[in-house]
Amino acid sequence: MTSEEYPKICRICENRRHDYEHGMVCRLTNRKADFEDKCPSFVLDKEALIQTQNVETFSENTDYDMTKEGNYSENGFT
């Protein structure tokens, strides 16, 4: 796996935690992911999966620019 692929797996795992110095790390090892093909400690976080899919679906199906100034307030986002 590449370092770009780890976040896709880790962000939907119940064993993730955020470390301000290192970013997303495993709460079991306190280290960034370094498994080869499959993480032996992976536990699916169903809520995170649903949220991730909603964000990706929104991003893929719209030309809405989340970085434009004013988009949040003009479109009802707070």
PDB file of N, CA and C in Angstrom:
ATOM      1  N   MET A   1       0.839  -1.189   0.000  1.00  0.00           N
ATOM      2  CA  MET A   1       0.000   0.000   0.000  1.00  0.00           C
ATOM      3  C   MET A   1       0.879   1.246   0.000  1.00  0.00           C
ATOM      4  N   THR A   2       0.328   2.303  -0.543  1.00  0.00           N
ATOM      5  CA  THR A   2       1.039   3.577  -0.533  1.00  0.00           C
ATOM      6  C   THR A   2       0.515   4.433   0.613  1.00  0.00           C
ATOM      7  N   SER A   3       1.268   5.448   0.947  1.00  0.00           N
ATOM      8  CA  SER A   3       0.858   6.331   2.046  1.00  0.00           C
ATOM      9  C   SER A   3      -0.451   7.062   1.724  1.00  0.00           C
ATOM     10  N   GLU A   4      -0.790   7.203   0.447  1.00  0.00           N
ATOM     11  CA  GLU A   4      -2.050   7.841   0.062  1.00  0.00           C
ATOM     12  C   GLU A   4      -3.243   6.905   0.267  1.00  0.00           C
ATOM     13  N   GLU A   5      -3.007   5.595   0.253  1.00  0.00           N
ATOM     14  CA  GLU A   5      -4.094   4.631   0.386  1.00  0.00           C
ATOM     15  C   GLU A   5      -4.478   4.362   1.839  1.00  0.00           C
ATOM     16  N   TYR A   6      -3.554   4.513   2.755  1.00  0.00           N
ATOM     17  CA  TYR A   6      -3.853   4.243   4.169  1.00  0.00           C
ATOM     18  C   TYR A   6      -5.028   5.056   4.707  1.00  0.00           C
ATOM     19  N   PRO A   7      -5.087   6.358   4.458  1.00  0.00           N
ATOM     20  CA  PRO A   7      -6.215   7.133   5.010  1.00  0.00           C
ATOM     21  C   PRO A   7      -7.582   6.629   4.565  1.00  0.00           C
ATOM     22  N   LYS A   8      -7.685   6.075   3.363  1.00  0.00           N
ATOM     23  CA  LYS A   8      -8.962   5.556   2.881  1.00  0.00           C
ATOM     24  C   LYS A   8      -9.445   4.413   3.757  1.00  0.00           C
ATOM     25  N   ILE A   9      -8.530   3.605   4.230  1.00  0.00           N
ATOM     26  CA  ILE A   9      -8.875   2.485   5.104  1.00  0.00           C
ATOM     27  C   ILE A   9      -9.048   2.993   6.541  1.00  0.00           C
ATOM     28  N   CYS A  10      -8.091   3.736   7.014  1.00  0.00           N
ATOM     29  CA  CYS A  10      -8.063   4.150   8.423  1.00  0.00           C
ATOM     30  C   CYS A  10      -9.214   5.075   8.809  1.00  0.00           C
ATOM     31  N   ARG A  11      -9.660   5.907   7.889  1.00  0.00           N
ATOM     32  CA  ARG A  11     -10.718   6.858   8.261  1.00  0.00           C
ATOM     33  C   ARG A  11     -12.067   6.190   8.489  1.00  0.00           C
ATOM     34  N   ILE A  12     -12.195   4.906   8.122  1.00  0.00           N
ATOM     35  CA  ILE A  12     -13.438   4.192   8.400  1.00  0.00           C
ATOM     36  C   ILE A  12     -13.221   3.064   9.413  1.00  0.00           C
ATOM     37  N   CYS A  13     -12.143   3.161  10.177  1.00  0.00           N
ATOM     38  CA  CYS A  13     -11.834   2.157  11.191  1.00  0.00           C
ATOM     39  C   CYS A  13     -12.116   2.724  12.581  1.00  0.00           C
ATOM     40  N   GLU A  14     -12.713   1.911  13.431  1.00  0.00           N
ATOM     41  CA  GLU A  14     -12.997   2.353  14.799  1.00  0.00           C
ATOM     42  C   GLU A  14     -11.722   2.572  15.610  1.00  0.00           C
ATOM     43  N   ASN A  15     -10.616   2.023  15.172  1.00  0.00           N
ATOM     44  CA  ASN A  15      -9.360   2.134  15.921  1.00  0.00           C
ATOM     45  C   ASN A  15      -8.534   3.361  15.546  1.00  0.00           C
ATOM     46  N   ARG A  16      -9.111   4.270  14.787  1.00  0.00           N
ATOM     47  CA  ARG A  16      -8.360   5.471  14.408  1.00  0.00           C
ATOM     48  C   ARG A  16      -8.454   6.514  15.513  1.00  0.00           C
ATOM     49  N   ARG A  17      -7.473   7.376  15.540  1.00  0.00           N
ATOM     50  CA  ARG A  17      -7.545   8.557  16.392  1.00  0.00           C
ATOM     51  C   ARG A  17      -6.671   9.617  15.757  1.00  0.00           C
ATOM     52  N   HIS A  18      -6.941  10.857  16.094  1.00  0.00           N
ATOM     53  CA  HIS A  18      -6.163  11.955  15.537  1.00  0.00           C
ATOM     54  C   HIS A  18      -5.079  12.365  16.523  1.00  0.00           C
ATOM     55  N   ASP A  19      -3.877  12.463  16.002  1.00  0.00           N
ATOM     56  CA  ASP A  19      -2.737  12.932  16.769  1.00  0.00           C
ATOM     57  C   ASP A  19      -2.303  14.252  16.135  1.00  0.00           C
ATOM     58  N   TYR A  20      -2.230  15.293  16.928  1.00  0.00           N
ATOM     59  CA  TYR A  20      -1.927  16.613  16.370  1.00  0.00           C
ATOM     60  C   TYR A  20      -0.551  16.695  15.735  1.00  0.00           C
ATOM     61  N   GLU A  21       0.361  15.859  16.153  1.00  0.00           N
ATOM     62  CA  GLU A  21       1.706  15.869  15.585  1.00  0.00           C
ATOM     63  C   GLU A  21       1.806  15.017  14.322  1.00  0.00           C
ATOM     64  N   HIS A  22       1.103  13.875  14.300  1.00  0.00           N
ATOM     65  CA  HIS A  22       1.270  12.917  13.210  1.00  0.00           C
ATOM     66  C   HIS A  22       0.040  12.740  12.329  1.00  0.00           C
ATOM     67  N   GLY A  23      -1.071  13.334  12.681  1.00  0.00           N
ATOM     68  CA  GLY A  23      -2.296  13.150  11.904  1.00  0.00           C
ATOM     69  C   GLY A  23      -3.052  11.917  12.372  1.00  0.00           C
ATOM     70  N   MET A  24      -3.621  11.166  11.435  1.00  0.00           N
ATOM     71  CA  MET A  24      -4.393   9.983  11.796  1.00  0.00           C
ATOM     72  C   MET A  24      -3.444   8.841  12.154  1.00  0.00           C
ATOM     73  N   VAL A  25      -3.670   8.269  13.334  1.00  0.00           N
ATOM     74  CA  VAL A  25      -2.862   7.145  13.799  1.00  0.00           C
ATOM     75  C   VAL A  25      -3.789   6.063  14.353  1.00  0.00           C
ATOM     76  N   CYS A  26      -3.221   4.879  14.539  1.00  0.00           N
ATOM     77  CA  CYS A  26      -3.960   3.787  15.144  1.00  0.00           C
ATOM     78  C   CYS A  26      -3.946   3.973  16.653  1.00  0.00           C
ATOM     79  N   ARG A  27      -5.107   3.886  17.280  1.00  0.00           N
ATOM     80  CA  ARG A  27      -5.147   4.070  18.730  1.00  0.00           C
ATOM     81  C   ARG A  27      -4.581   2.860  19.464  1.00  0.00           C
ATOM     82  N   LEU A  28      -4.402   1.734  18.762  1.00  0.00           N
ATOM     83  CA  LEU A  28      -3.832   0.540  19.379  1.00  0.00           C
ATOM     84  C   LEU A  28      -2.302   0.591  19.415  1.00  0.00           C
ATOM     85  N   THR A  29      -1.705   1.156  18.360  1.00  0.00           N
ATOM     86  CA  THR A  29      -0.242   1.206  18.267  1.00  0.00           C
ATOM     87  C   THR A  29       0.320   2.611  18.468  1.00  0.00           C
ATOM     88  N   ASN A  30      -0.551   3.622  18.365  1.00  0.00           N
ATOM     89  CA  ASN A  30      -0.139   5.031  18.426  1.00  0.00           C
ATOM     90  C   ASN A  30       0.840   5.395  17.308  1.00  0.00           C
ATOM     91  N   ARG A  31       0.724   4.689  16.188  1.00  0.00           N
ATOM     92  CA  ARG A  31       1.585   4.965  15.033  1.00  0.00           C
ATOM     93  C   ARG A  31       0.730   5.085  13.779  1.00  0.00           C
ATOM     94  N   LYS A  32       1.324   5.695  12.747  1.00  0.00           N
ATOM     95  CA  LYS A  32       0.667   5.739  11.446  1.00  0.00           C
ATOM     96  C   LYS A  32       0.599   4.330  10.885  1.00  0.00           C
ATOM     97  N   ALA A  33      -0.354   4.102  10.000  1.00  0.00           N
ATOM     98  CA  ALA A  33      -0.533   2.782   9.399  1.00  0.00           C
ATOM     99  C   ALA A  33       0.724   2.355   8.651  1.00  0.00           C
ATOM    100  N   ASP A  34       1.024   1.067   8.756  1.00  0.00           N
ATOM    101  CA  ASP A  34       2.177   0.534   8.029  1.00  0.00           C
ATOM    102  C   ASP A  34       1.974  -0.919   7.600  1.00  0.00           C
ATOM    103  N   PHE A  35       0.716  -1.359   7.551  1.00  0.00           N
ATOM    104  CA  PHE A  35       0.435  -2.733   7.144  1.00  0.00           C
ATOM    105  C   PHE A  35       0.634  -2.886   5.640  1.00  0.00           C
ATOM    106  N   GLU A  36       0.825  -4.133   5.206  1.00  0.00           N
ATOM    107  CA  GLU A  36       1.065  -4.406   3.791  1.00  0.00           C
ATOM    108  C   GLU A  36      -0.227  -4.440   2.982  1.00  0.00           C
ATOM    109  N   ASP A  37      -1.017  -5.486   3.167  1.00  0.00           N
ATOM    110  CA  ASP A  37      -2.238  -5.646   2.379  1.00  0.00           C
ATOM    111  C   ASP A  37      -3.502  -5.445   3.196  1.00  0.00           C
ATOM    112  N   LYS A  38      -3.483  -5.930   4.425  1.00  0.00           N
ATOM    113  CA  LYS A  38      -4.673  -5.931   5.257  1.00  0.00           C
ATOM    114  C   LYS A  38      -4.273  -5.611   6.691  1.00  0.00           C
ATOM    115  N   CYS A  39      -5.014  -4.737   7.324  1.00  0.00           N
ATOM    116  CA  CYS A  39      -4.733  -4.401   8.721  1.00  0.00           C
ATOM    117  C   CYS A  39      -5.355  -5.469   9.623  1.00  0.00           C
ATOM    118  N   PRO A  40      -4.551  -6.086  10.482  1.00  0.00           N
ATOM    119  CA  PRO A  40      -5.079  -7.131  11.356  1.00  0.00           C
ATOM    120  C   PRO A  40      -6.001  -6.594  12.455  1.00  0.00           C
ATOM    121  N   SER A  41      -5.981  -5.281  12.673  1.00  0.00           N
ATOM    122  CA  SER A  41      -6.777  -4.675  13.747  1.00  0.00           C
ATOM    123  C   SER A  41      -7.969  -3.881  13.239  1.00  0.00           C
ATOM    124  N   PHE A  42      -8.248  -3.959  11.929  1.00  0.00           N
ATOM    125  CA  PHE A  42      -9.321  -3.168  11.340  1.00  0.00           C
ATOM    126  C   PHE A  42     -10.680  -3.568  11.898  1.00  0.00           C
ATOM    127  N   VAL A  43     -11.453  -2.546  12.333  1.00  0.00           N
ATOM    128  CA  VAL A  43     -12.838  -2.734  12.768  1.00  0.00           C
ATOM    129  C   VAL A  43     -13.651  -1.643  12.073  1.00  0.00           C
ATOM    130  N   LEU A  44     -14.582  -2.036  11.242  1.00  0.00           N
ATOM    131  CA  LEU A  44     -15.365  -1.087  10.460  1.00  0.00           C
ATOM    132  C   LEU A  44     -16.196  -0.181  11.355  1.00  0.00           C
ATOM    133  N   ASP A  45     -16.070   1.136  11.118  1.00  0.00           N
ATOM    134  CA  ASP A  45     -16.898   2.148  11.766  1.00  0.00           C
ATOM    135  C   ASP A  45     -17.987   2.500  10.757  1.00  0.00           C
ATOM    136  N   LYS A  46     -19.171   1.920  10.929  1.00  0.00           N
ATOM    137  CA  LYS A  46     -20.252   2.070   9.955  1.00  0.00           C
ATOM    138  C   LYS A  46     -20.672   3.524   9.780  1.00  0.00           C
ATOM    139  N   GLU A  47     -20.722   4.285  10.857  1.00  0.00           N
ATOM    140  CA  GLU A  47     -21.100   5.705  10.768  1.00  0.00           C
ATOM    141  C   GLU A  47     -20.079   6.489   9.940  1.00  0.00           C
ATOM    142  N   ALA A  48     -18.807   6.229  10.161  1.00  0.00           N
ATOM    143  CA  ALA A  48     -17.765   6.909   9.395  1.00  0.00           C
ATOM    144  C   ALA A  48     -17.854   6.535   7.923  1.00  0.00           C
ATOM    145  N   LEU A  49     -18.159   5.282   7.643  1.00  0.00           N
ATOM    146  CA  LEU A  49     -18.315   4.835   6.258  1.00  0.00           C
ATOM    147  C   LEU A  49     -19.455   5.575   5.582  1.00  0.00           C
ATOM    148  N   ILE A  50     -20.573   5.696   6.254  1.00  0.00           N
ATOM    149  CA  ILE A  50     -21.733   6.401   5.696  1.00  0.00           C
ATOM    150  C   ILE A  50     -21.385   7.864   5.444  1.00  0.00           C
ATOM    151  N   GLN A  51     -20.751   8.503   6.401  1.00  0.00           N
ATOM    152  CA  GLN A  51     -20.369   9.909   6.247  1.00  0.00           C
ATOM    153  C   GLN A  51     -19.382  10.084   5.098  1.00  0.00           C
ATOM    154  N   THR A  52     -18.422   9.198   4.999  1.00  0.00           N
ATOM    155  CA  THR A  52     -17.421   9.256   3.934  1.00  0.00           C
ATOM    156  C   THR A  52     -18.080   9.097   2.577  1.00  0.00           C
ATOM    157  N   GLN A  53     -18.984   8.143   2.464  1.00  0.00           N
ATOM    158  CA  GLN A  53     -19.676   7.924   1.195  1.00  0.00           C
ATOM    159  C   GLN A  53     -20.518   9.124   0.817  1.00  0.00           C
ATOM    160  N   ASN A  54     -21.166   9.755   1.784  1.00  0.00           N
ATOM    161  CA  ASN A  54     -21.977  10.941   1.493  1.00  0.00           C
ATOM    162  C   ASN A  54     -21.120  12.077   0.981  1.00  0.00           C
ATOM    163  N   VAL A  55     -19.974  12.296   1.582  1.00  0.00           N
ATOM    164  CA  VAL A  55     -19.080  13.371   1.149  1.00  0.00           C
ATOM    165  C   VAL A  55     -18.545  13.084  -0.240  1.00  0.00           C
ATOM    166  N   GLU A  56     -18.107  11.850  -0.486  1.00  0.00           N
ATOM    167  CA  GLU A  56     -17.569  11.495  -1.796  1.00  0.00           C
ATOM    168  C   GLU A  56     -18.633  11.572  -2.878  1.00  0.00           C
ATOM    169  N   THR A  57     -19.852  11.128  -2.579  1.00  0.00           N
ATOM    170  CA  THR A  57     -20.948  11.200  -3.542  1.00  0.00           C
ATOM    171  C   THR A  57     -21.254  12.647  -3.871  1.00  0.00           C
ATOM    172  N   PHE A  58     -21.297  13.504  -2.854  1.00  0.00           N
ATOM    173  CA  PHE A  58     -21.558  14.926  -3.061  1.00  0.00           C
ATOM    174  C   PHE A  58     -20.463  15.532  -3.942  1.00  0.00           C
ATOM    175  N   SER A  59     -19.208  15.224  -3.639  1.00  0.00           N
ATOM    176  CA  SER A  59     -18.089  15.775  -4.387  1.00  0.00           C
ATOM    177  C   SER A  59     -18.089  15.319  -5.837  1.00  0.00           C
ATOM    178  N   GLU A  60     -18.428  14.053  -6.071  1.00  0.00           N
ATOM    179  CA  GLU A  60     -18.399  13.496  -7.418  1.00  0.00           C
ATOM    180  C   GLU A  60     -19.572  13.963  -8.275  1.00  0.00           C
ATOM    181  N   ASN A  61     -20.690  14.295  -7.648  1.00  0.00           N
ATOM    182  CA  ASN A  61     -21.904  14.580  -8.398  1.00  0.00           C
ATOM    183  C   ASN A  61     -22.273  16.051  -8.463  1.00  0.00           C
ATOM    184  N   THR A  62     -21.358  16.897  -8.141  1.00  0.00           N
ATOM    185  CA  THR A  62     -21.670  18.324  -8.198  1.00  0.00           C
ATOM    186  C   THR A  62     -20.431  19.107  -8.578  1.00  0.00           C
ATOM    187  N   ASP A  63     -20.640  20.267  -9.147  1.00  0.00           N
ATOM    188  CA  ASP A  63     -19.502  21.133  -9.445  1.00  0.00           C
ATOM    189  C   ASP A  63     -19.384  22.232  -8.387  1.00  0.00           C
ATOM    190  N   TYR A  64     -20.035  22.004  -7.256  1.00  0.00           N
ATOM    191  CA  TYR A  64     -20.000  22.948  -6.153  1.00  0.00           C
ATOM    192  C   TYR A  64     -18.583  23.099  -5.640  1.00  0.00           C
ATOM    193  N   ASP A  65     -18.102  24.309  -5.555  1.00  0.00           N
ATOM    194  CA  ASP A  65     -16.739  24.579  -5.098  1.00  0.00           C
ATOM    195  C   ASP A  65     -16.755  24.935  -3.621  1.00  0.00           C
ATOM    196  N   MET A  66     -16.381  23.966  -2.772  1.00  0.00           N
ATOM    197  CA  MET A  66     -16.397  24.174  -1.328  1.00  0.00           C
ATOM    198  C   MET A  66     -15.369  25.210  -0.886  1.00  0.00           C
ATOM    199  N   THR A  67     -14.407  25.557  -1.751  1.00  0.00           N
ATOM    200  CA  THR A  67     -13.353  26.478  -1.355  1.00  0.00           C
ATOM    201  C   THR A  67     -13.696  27.931  -1.669  1.00  0.00           C
ATOM    202  N   LYS A  68     -14.760  28.157  -2.449  1.00  0.00           N
ATOM    203  CA  LYS A  68     -15.138  29.522  -2.789  1.00  0.00           C
ATOM    204  C   LYS A  68     -15.599  30.275  -1.557  1.00  0.00           C
ATOM    205  N   GLU A  69     -15.131  31.487  -1.424  1.00  0.00           N
ATOM    206  CA  GLU A  69     -15.532  32.311  -0.284  1.00  0.00           C
ATOM    207  C   GLU A  69     -17.030  32.585  -0.364  1.00  0.00           C
ATOM    208  N   GLY A  70     -17.710  32.408   0.743  1.00  0.00           N
ATOM    209  CA  GLY A  70     -19.126  32.710   0.805  1.00  0.00           C
ATOM    210  C   GLY A  70     -20.039  31.537   0.515  1.00  0.00           C
ATOM    211  N   ASN A  71     -19.527  30.465  -0.021  1.00  0.00           N
ATOM    212  CA  ASN A  71     -20.385  29.332  -0.349  1.00  0.00           C
ATOM    213  C   ASN A  71     -21.127  28.791   0.866  1.00  0.00           C
ATOM    214  N   TYR A  72     -20.474  28.770   2.004  1.00  0.00           N
ATOM    215  CA  TYR A  72     -21.126  28.207   3.178  1.00  0.00           C
ATOM    216  C   TYR A  72     -22.348  29.034   3.579  1.00  0.00           C
ATOM    217  N   SER A  73     -22.181  30.328   3.755  1.00  0.00           N
ATOM    218  CA  SER A  73     -23.285  31.134   4.237  1.00  0.00           C
ATOM    219  C   SER A  73     -24.346  31.365   3.148  1.00  0.00           C
ATOM    220  N   GLU A  74     -23.931  31.528   1.909  1.00  0.00           N
ATOM    221  CA  GLU A  74     -24.882  31.771   0.836  1.00  0.00           C
ATOM    222  C   GLU A  74     -25.775  30.586   0.580  1.00  0.00           C
ATOM    223  N   ASN A  75     -25.292  29.402   0.891  1.00  0.00           N
ATOM    224  CA  ASN A  75     -26.044  28.184   0.599  1.00  0.00           C
ATOM    225  C   ASN A  75     -26.583  27.500   1.853  1.00  0.00           C
ATOM    226  N   GLY A  76     -26.601  28.222   2.960  1.00  0.00           N
ATOM    227  CA  GLY A  76     -27.213  27.697   4.162  1.00  0.00           C
ATOM    228  C   GLY A  76     -26.301  26.869   5.047  1.00  0.00           C
ATOM    229  N   PHE A  77     -25.024  26.763   4.696  1.00  0.00           N
ATOM    230  CA  PHE A  77     -24.094  26.014   5.534  1.00  0.00           C
ATOM    231  C   PHE A  77     -23.570  26.921   6.633  1.00  0.00           C
ATOM    232  N   THR A  78     -23.394  26.360   7.812  1.00  0.00           N
ATOM    233  CA  THR A  78     -22.830  27.164   8.899  1.00  0.00           C
ATOM    234  C   THR A  78     -21.601  26.498   9.460  1.00  0.00           C
TER     235      THR A  78
END
